[in-house]
């Protein structure tokens, strides 16, 4: 479920000396999938994985092409898009479901007016 711009989970570098780093990023992705609605700070994820936020971000950039924070944000955006596209839920309901107090976080993209 976590979007990536670089490599997919399966495409993450799998050289033998990279295995611990690959496993850590995979644990990070699993942790995000279980907690993204809670809006945990990046320090929470780093603490849970027993690394620094800087190290976590460096590994994510190397393996997935995104910072750790961008991965967390992209996960929320992807879930919001999924809920808005495939359920009859209102924007307010989706915002509430994803842990936001204000539905203003979600706006529809307006098409330019044709003349």
N, C-alpha and C. Protein backbone atom coordinates (compact mmCIF):
# COMPACT_ATOMS: atom_id res chain seq x y z
N UNK A 1 0.80 -1.19 0.00
CA UNK A 1 0.00 0.00 0.00
C UNK A 1 0.84 1.26 0.00
N UNK A 2 2.02 1.21 0.51
CA UNK A 2 2.86 2.39 0.59
C UNK A 2 3.42 2.73 -0.78
N UNK A 3 3.16 3.93 -1.28
CA UNK A 3 3.65 4.31 -2.60
C UNK A 3 5.14 4.61 -2.58
N UNK A 4 5.79 4.32 -3.67
CA UNK A 4 7.20 4.64 -3.81
C UNK A 4 7.44 5.20 -5.19
N UNK A 5 8.38 6.08 -5.29
CA UNK A 5 8.72 6.65 -6.59
C UNK A 5 9.93 5.96 -7.19
N UNK A 6 10.73 5.36 -6.34
CA UNK A 6 11.93 4.69 -6.83
C UNK A 6 11.67 3.24 -7.13
N UNK A 7 11.89 2.39 -6.16
CA UNK A 7 11.72 0.96 -6.35
C UNK A 7 10.51 0.46 -5.58
N UNK A 8 9.95 -0.63 -6.05
CA UNK A 8 8.86 -1.26 -5.30
C UNK A 8 9.48 -2.07 -4.17
N UNK A 9 8.62 -2.57 -3.29
CA UNK A 9 9.12 -3.38 -2.18
C UNK A 9 9.95 -4.55 -2.68
N UNK A 10 9.49 -5.19 -3.76
CA UNK A 10 10.20 -6.35 -4.28
C UNK A 10 11.50 -5.96 -4.99
N UNK A 11 11.54 -4.72 -5.48
CA UNK A 11 12.72 -4.29 -6.23
C UNK A 11 13.79 -3.68 -5.34
N UNK A 12 13.52 -3.59 -4.04
CA UNK A 12 14.50 -3.00 -3.14
C UNK A 12 15.80 -3.79 -3.24
N UNK A 13 16.89 -3.06 -3.24
CA UNK A 13 18.21 -3.66 -3.39
C UNK A 13 18.38 -4.84 -2.44
N UNK A 14 18.79 -5.97 -2.98
CA UNK A 14 18.89 -7.17 -2.16
C UNK A 14 20.29 -7.78 -2.13
N UNK A 15 21.33 -6.96 -2.27
CA UNK A 15 22.68 -7.47 -2.12
C UNK A 15 22.87 -7.95 -0.69
N UNK A 16 23.69 -8.96 -0.47
CA UNK A 16 23.84 -9.54 0.87
C UNK A 16 24.15 -8.52 1.96
N UNK A 17 25.04 -7.56 1.72
CA UNK A 17 25.37 -6.59 2.76
C UNK A 17 24.27 -5.55 2.96
N UNK A 18 23.29 -5.52 2.09
CA UNK A 18 22.16 -4.60 2.21
C UNK A 18 20.98 -5.24 2.92
N UNK A 19 21.00 -6.55 3.15
CA UNK A 19 19.84 -7.23 3.72
C UNK A 19 19.32 -6.62 5.02
N UNK A 20 20.17 -6.27 5.98
CA UNK A 20 19.64 -5.66 7.21
C UNK A 20 18.91 -4.34 6.92
N UNK A 21 19.43 -3.57 5.97
CA UNK A 21 18.82 -2.29 5.63
C UNK A 21 17.49 -2.51 4.91
N UNK A 22 17.45 -3.50 4.04
CA UNK A 22 16.22 -3.83 3.33
C UNK A 22 15.15 -4.26 4.33
N UNK A 23 15.54 -5.11 5.27
CA UNK A 23 14.60 -5.58 6.28
C UNK A 23 14.09 -4.42 7.13
N UNK A 24 14.96 -3.48 7.45
CA UNK A 24 14.54 -2.34 8.26
C UNK A 24 13.52 -1.49 7.51
N UNK A 25 13.75 -1.22 6.25
CA UNK A 25 12.80 -0.44 5.46
C UNK A 25 11.48 -1.19 5.32
N UNK A 26 11.54 -2.48 5.15
CA UNK A 26 10.31 -3.26 5.06
C UNK A 26 9.54 -3.23 6.39
N UNK A 27 10.25 -3.26 7.50
CA UNK A 27 9.60 -3.12 8.80
C UNK A 27 8.98 -1.74 8.95
N UNK A 28 9.66 -0.72 8.44
CA UNK A 28 9.13 0.64 8.45
C UNK A 28 7.83 0.72 7.66
N UNK A 29 7.80 0.13 6.47
CA UNK A 29 6.60 0.14 5.64
C UNK A 29 5.44 -0.58 6.34
N UNK A 30 5.74 -1.69 6.98
CA UNK A 30 4.70 -2.43 7.70
C UNK A 30 4.18 -1.62 8.89
N UNK A 31 5.08 -0.94 9.57
CA UNK A 31 4.69 -0.12 10.70
C UNK A 31 3.80 1.05 10.25
N UNK A 32 4.13 1.64 9.13
CA UNK A 32 3.30 2.72 8.59
C UNK A 32 1.90 2.20 8.30
N UNK A 33 1.81 1.06 7.66
CA UNK A 33 0.51 0.49 7.30
C UNK A 33 -0.36 0.24 8.52
N UNK A 34 0.26 -0.02 9.66
CA UNK A 34 -0.50 -0.27 10.89
C UNK A 34 -0.82 0.98 11.68
N UNK A 35 -0.14 2.10 11.40
CA UNK A 35 -0.28 3.28 12.27
C UNK A 35 -0.54 4.59 11.55
N UNK A 36 -0.65 4.60 10.22
CA UNK A 36 -0.72 5.89 9.51
C UNK A 36 -1.91 6.74 9.93
N UNK A 37 -2.99 6.14 10.38
CA UNK A 37 -4.16 6.92 10.81
C UNK A 37 -3.90 7.67 12.12
N UNK A 38 -2.87 7.30 12.83
CA UNK A 38 -2.55 7.92 14.12
C UNK A 38 -1.67 9.16 13.98
N UNK A 39 -1.17 9.44 12.78
CA UNK A 39 -0.34 10.62 12.51
C UNK A 39 0.88 10.68 13.44
N UNK A 40 1.55 9.56 13.56
CA UNK A 40 2.74 9.51 14.41
C UNK A 40 3.87 10.32 13.79
N UNK A 41 4.66 10.98 14.61
CA UNK A 41 5.82 11.69 14.07
C UNK A 41 6.88 10.70 13.60
N UNK A 42 7.76 11.17 12.76
CA UNK A 42 8.83 10.31 12.25
C UNK A 42 9.68 9.75 13.40
N UNK A 43 9.82 10.52 14.46
CA UNK A 43 10.59 10.05 15.61
C UNK A 43 9.97 8.79 16.23
N UNK A 44 8.65 8.66 16.18
CA UNK A 44 7.99 7.45 16.67
C UNK A 44 8.47 6.24 15.89
N UNK A 45 8.46 6.34 14.56
CA UNK A 45 8.87 5.21 13.72
C UNK A 45 10.34 4.87 13.95
N UNK A 46 11.18 5.90 14.03
CA UNK A 46 12.61 5.67 14.27
C UNK A 46 12.82 4.98 15.62
N UNK A 47 12.11 5.44 16.63
CA UNK A 47 12.24 4.84 17.96
C UNK A 47 11.81 3.37 17.94
N UNK A 48 10.69 3.09 17.28
CA UNK A 48 10.20 1.72 17.19
C UNK A 48 11.19 0.81 16.46
N UNK A 49 11.89 1.37 15.49
CA UNK A 49 12.85 0.59 14.69
C UNK A 49 14.26 0.64 15.26
N UNK A 50 14.42 1.40 16.35
CA UNK A 50 15.71 1.54 17.05
C UNK A 50 16.80 2.11 16.16
N UNK A 51 16.44 3.15 15.41
CA UNK A 51 17.41 3.89 14.58
C UNK A 51 17.12 5.38 14.74
N UNK A 52 17.99 6.21 14.20
CA UNK A 52 17.73 7.65 14.21
C UNK A 52 16.84 8.01 13.02
N UNK A 53 16.17 9.13 13.12
CA UNK A 53 15.34 9.58 12.00
C UNK A 53 16.20 9.84 10.77
N UNK A 54 17.38 10.34 10.99
CA UNK A 54 18.29 10.61 9.87
C UNK A 54 18.67 9.31 9.15
N UNK A 55 18.99 8.29 9.91
CA UNK A 55 19.37 7.01 9.31
C UNK A 55 18.19 6.39 8.56
N UNK A 56 17.01 6.46 9.15
CA UNK A 56 15.81 5.93 8.51
C UNK A 56 15.54 6.65 7.19
N UNK A 57 15.65 7.97 7.20
CA UNK A 57 15.42 8.73 5.97
C UNK A 57 16.46 8.40 4.91
N UNK A 58 17.72 8.26 5.33
CA UNK A 58 18.78 7.92 4.38
C UNK A 58 18.51 6.57 3.71
N UNK A 59 18.09 5.57 4.50
CA UNK A 59 17.80 4.25 3.94
C UNK A 59 16.60 4.30 3.00
N UNK A 60 15.58 5.05 3.38
CA UNK A 60 14.39 5.16 2.53
C UNK A 60 14.73 5.84 1.21
N UNK A 61 15.51 6.90 1.28
CA UNK A 61 15.92 7.58 0.03
C UNK A 61 16.72 6.64 -0.86
N UNK A 62 17.62 5.88 -0.27
CA UNK A 62 18.46 4.97 -1.04
C UNK A 62 17.64 3.85 -1.68
N UNK A 63 16.70 3.29 -0.94
CA UNK A 63 15.97 2.13 -1.43
C UNK A 63 14.68 2.44 -2.15
N UNK A 64 14.01 3.53 -1.76
CA UNK A 64 12.70 3.81 -2.31
C UNK A 64 12.60 5.14 -3.05
N UNK A 65 13.64 5.94 -2.97
CA UNK A 65 13.65 7.21 -3.68
C UNK A 65 12.85 8.32 -3.02
N UNK A 66 12.45 8.13 -1.77
CA UNK A 66 11.68 9.12 -1.03
C UNK A 66 12.22 9.22 0.39
N UNK A 67 12.00 10.37 1.00
CA UNK A 67 12.35 10.49 2.42
C UNK A 67 11.34 9.68 3.23
N UNK A 68 11.70 9.35 4.44
CA UNK A 68 10.80 8.60 5.31
C UNK A 68 9.51 9.38 5.54
N UNK A 69 9.60 10.68 5.75
CA UNK A 69 8.41 11.49 5.98
C UNK A 69 7.52 11.52 4.75
N UNK A 70 8.11 11.60 3.57
CA UNK A 70 7.33 11.59 2.33
C UNK A 70 6.58 10.27 2.16
N UNK A 71 7.18 9.18 2.59
CA UNK A 71 6.52 7.87 2.49
C UNK A 71 5.29 7.85 3.40
N UNK A 72 5.43 8.38 4.61
CA UNK A 72 4.29 8.44 5.53
C UNK A 72 3.18 9.30 4.94
N UNK A 73 3.53 10.47 4.41
CA UNK A 73 2.53 11.36 3.82
C UNK A 73 1.88 10.73 2.60
N UNK A 74 2.68 10.10 1.75
CA UNK A 74 2.14 9.47 0.55
C UNK A 74 1.16 8.35 0.89
N UNK A 75 1.43 7.66 1.98
CA UNK A 75 0.52 6.60 2.42
C UNK A 75 -0.84 7.19 2.78
N UNK A 76 -0.85 8.30 3.50
CA UNK A 76 -2.11 8.96 3.85
C UNK A 76 -2.84 9.46 2.61
N UNK A 77 -2.10 10.05 1.69
CA UNK A 77 -2.71 10.57 0.47
C UNK A 77 -3.30 9.43 -0.35
N UNK A 78 -2.57 8.35 -0.48
CA UNK A 78 -3.04 7.20 -1.24
C UNK A 78 -4.33 6.63 -0.64
N UNK A 79 -4.37 6.52 0.67
CA UNK A 79 -5.57 6.00 1.33
C UNK A 79 -6.74 6.96 1.16
N UNK A 80 -6.49 8.25 1.25
CA UNK A 80 -7.55 9.23 1.05
C UNK A 80 -8.10 9.13 -0.37
N UNK A 81 -7.23 9.03 -1.34
CA UNK A 81 -7.67 8.89 -2.73
C UNK A 81 -8.48 7.62 -2.92
N UNK A 82 -8.02 6.54 -2.33
CA UNK A 82 -8.73 5.27 -2.45
C UNK A 82 -10.13 5.37 -1.85
N UNK A 83 -10.23 5.93 -0.66
CA UNK A 83 -11.53 6.06 -0.01
C UNK A 83 -12.47 6.98 -0.79
N UNK A 84 -11.92 8.07 -1.31
CA UNK A 84 -12.76 9.01 -2.07
C UNK A 84 -13.20 8.43 -3.40
N UNK A 85 -12.35 7.64 -4.01
CA UNK A 85 -12.67 7.10 -5.34
C UNK A 85 -13.55 5.85 -5.28
N UNK A 86 -13.38 5.03 -4.28
CA UNK A 86 -14.03 3.72 -4.29
C UNK A 86 -15.07 3.50 -3.20
N UNK A 87 -15.38 4.53 -2.44
CA UNK A 87 -16.43 4.41 -1.44
C UNK A 87 -17.36 5.61 -1.58
N UNK A 88 -18.56 5.50 -1.08
CA UNK A 88 -19.47 6.64 -1.14
C UNK A 88 -19.24 7.65 -0.02
N UNK A 89 -18.16 7.50 0.73
CA UNK A 89 -17.89 8.36 1.88
C UNK A 89 -17.68 9.81 1.44
N UNK A 90 -18.16 10.70 2.26
CA UNK A 90 -17.98 12.13 2.01
C UNK A 90 -16.55 12.53 2.36
N UNK A 91 -16.16 13.71 1.90
CA UNK A 91 -14.82 14.21 2.22
C UNK A 91 -14.68 14.36 3.73
N UNK A 92 -15.71 14.87 4.38
CA UNK A 92 -15.66 15.03 5.84
C UNK A 92 -15.47 13.68 6.53
N UNK A 93 -16.15 12.65 6.06
CA UNK A 93 -16.03 11.33 6.66
C UNK A 93 -14.63 10.75 6.43
N UNK A 94 -14.11 10.92 5.23
CA UNK A 94 -12.76 10.42 4.93
C UNK A 94 -11.74 11.14 5.81
N UNK A 95 -11.88 12.46 5.94
CA UNK A 95 -10.96 13.22 6.79
C UNK A 95 -11.00 12.70 8.22
N UNK A 96 -12.20 12.48 8.73
CA UNK A 96 -12.35 11.97 10.09
C UNK A 96 -11.77 10.56 10.21
N UNK A 97 -12.04 9.71 9.23
CA UNK A 97 -11.55 8.34 9.23
C UNK A 97 -10.02 8.28 9.23
N UNK A 98 -9.39 9.24 8.57
CA UNK A 98 -7.93 9.25 8.49
C UNK A 98 -7.29 10.06 9.62
N UNK A 99 -8.11 10.50 10.56
CA UNK A 99 -7.56 11.16 11.74
C UNK A 99 -7.37 12.66 11.64
N UNK A 100 -7.97 13.30 10.65
CA UNK A 100 -7.87 14.74 10.53
C UNK A 100 -9.10 15.39 11.17
N UNK A 101 -8.90 16.49 11.85
CA UNK A 101 -10.03 17.19 12.47
C UNK A 101 -10.77 18.08 11.49
N UNK A 102 -10.09 18.44 10.40
CA UNK A 102 -10.67 19.40 9.46
C UNK A 102 -10.68 18.81 8.05
N UNK A 103 -11.84 18.71 7.41
CA UNK A 103 -11.90 18.16 6.05
C UNK A 103 -11.24 19.05 5.01
N UNK A 104 -10.79 20.23 5.41
CA UNK A 104 -10.11 21.12 4.47
C UNK A 104 -8.80 20.53 3.96
N UNK A 105 -8.32 19.47 4.58
CA UNK A 105 -7.11 18.81 4.08
C UNK A 105 -7.35 18.16 2.73
N UNK A 106 -8.59 17.96 2.38
CA UNK A 106 -8.94 17.31 1.13
C UNK A 106 -9.69 18.30 0.26
N UNK A 107 -9.17 18.57 -0.91
CA UNK A 107 -9.85 19.46 -1.85
C UNK A 107 -9.90 18.77 -3.20
N UNK A 108 -10.93 19.05 -3.92
CA UNK A 108 -11.04 18.51 -5.27
C UNK A 108 -10.25 19.38 -6.22
N UNK A 109 -9.63 18.75 -7.18
CA UNK A 109 -8.88 19.50 -8.18
C UNK A 109 -9.89 20.06 -9.17
N UNK A 110 -9.88 21.34 -9.30
CA UNK A 110 -10.82 21.99 -10.21
C UNK A 110 -10.24 22.01 -11.61
N UNK A 111 -11.07 21.69 -12.54
CA UNK A 111 -10.67 21.74 -13.94
C UNK A 111 -10.71 23.21 -14.38
N UNK A 112 -9.77 23.64 -15.21
CA UNK A 112 -9.81 25.02 -15.67
C UNK A 112 -11.09 25.26 -16.47
N UNK A 113 -11.62 26.44 -16.33
CA UNK A 113 -12.85 26.77 -17.05
C UNK A 113 -12.52 26.93 -18.53
N UNK A 114 -13.40 26.38 -19.34
CA UNK A 114 -13.24 26.51 -20.79
C UNK A 114 -13.90 27.78 -21.25
N UNK A 115 -13.28 28.46 -22.15
CA UNK A 115 -13.86 29.70 -22.69
C UNK A 115 -14.54 29.44 -23.97
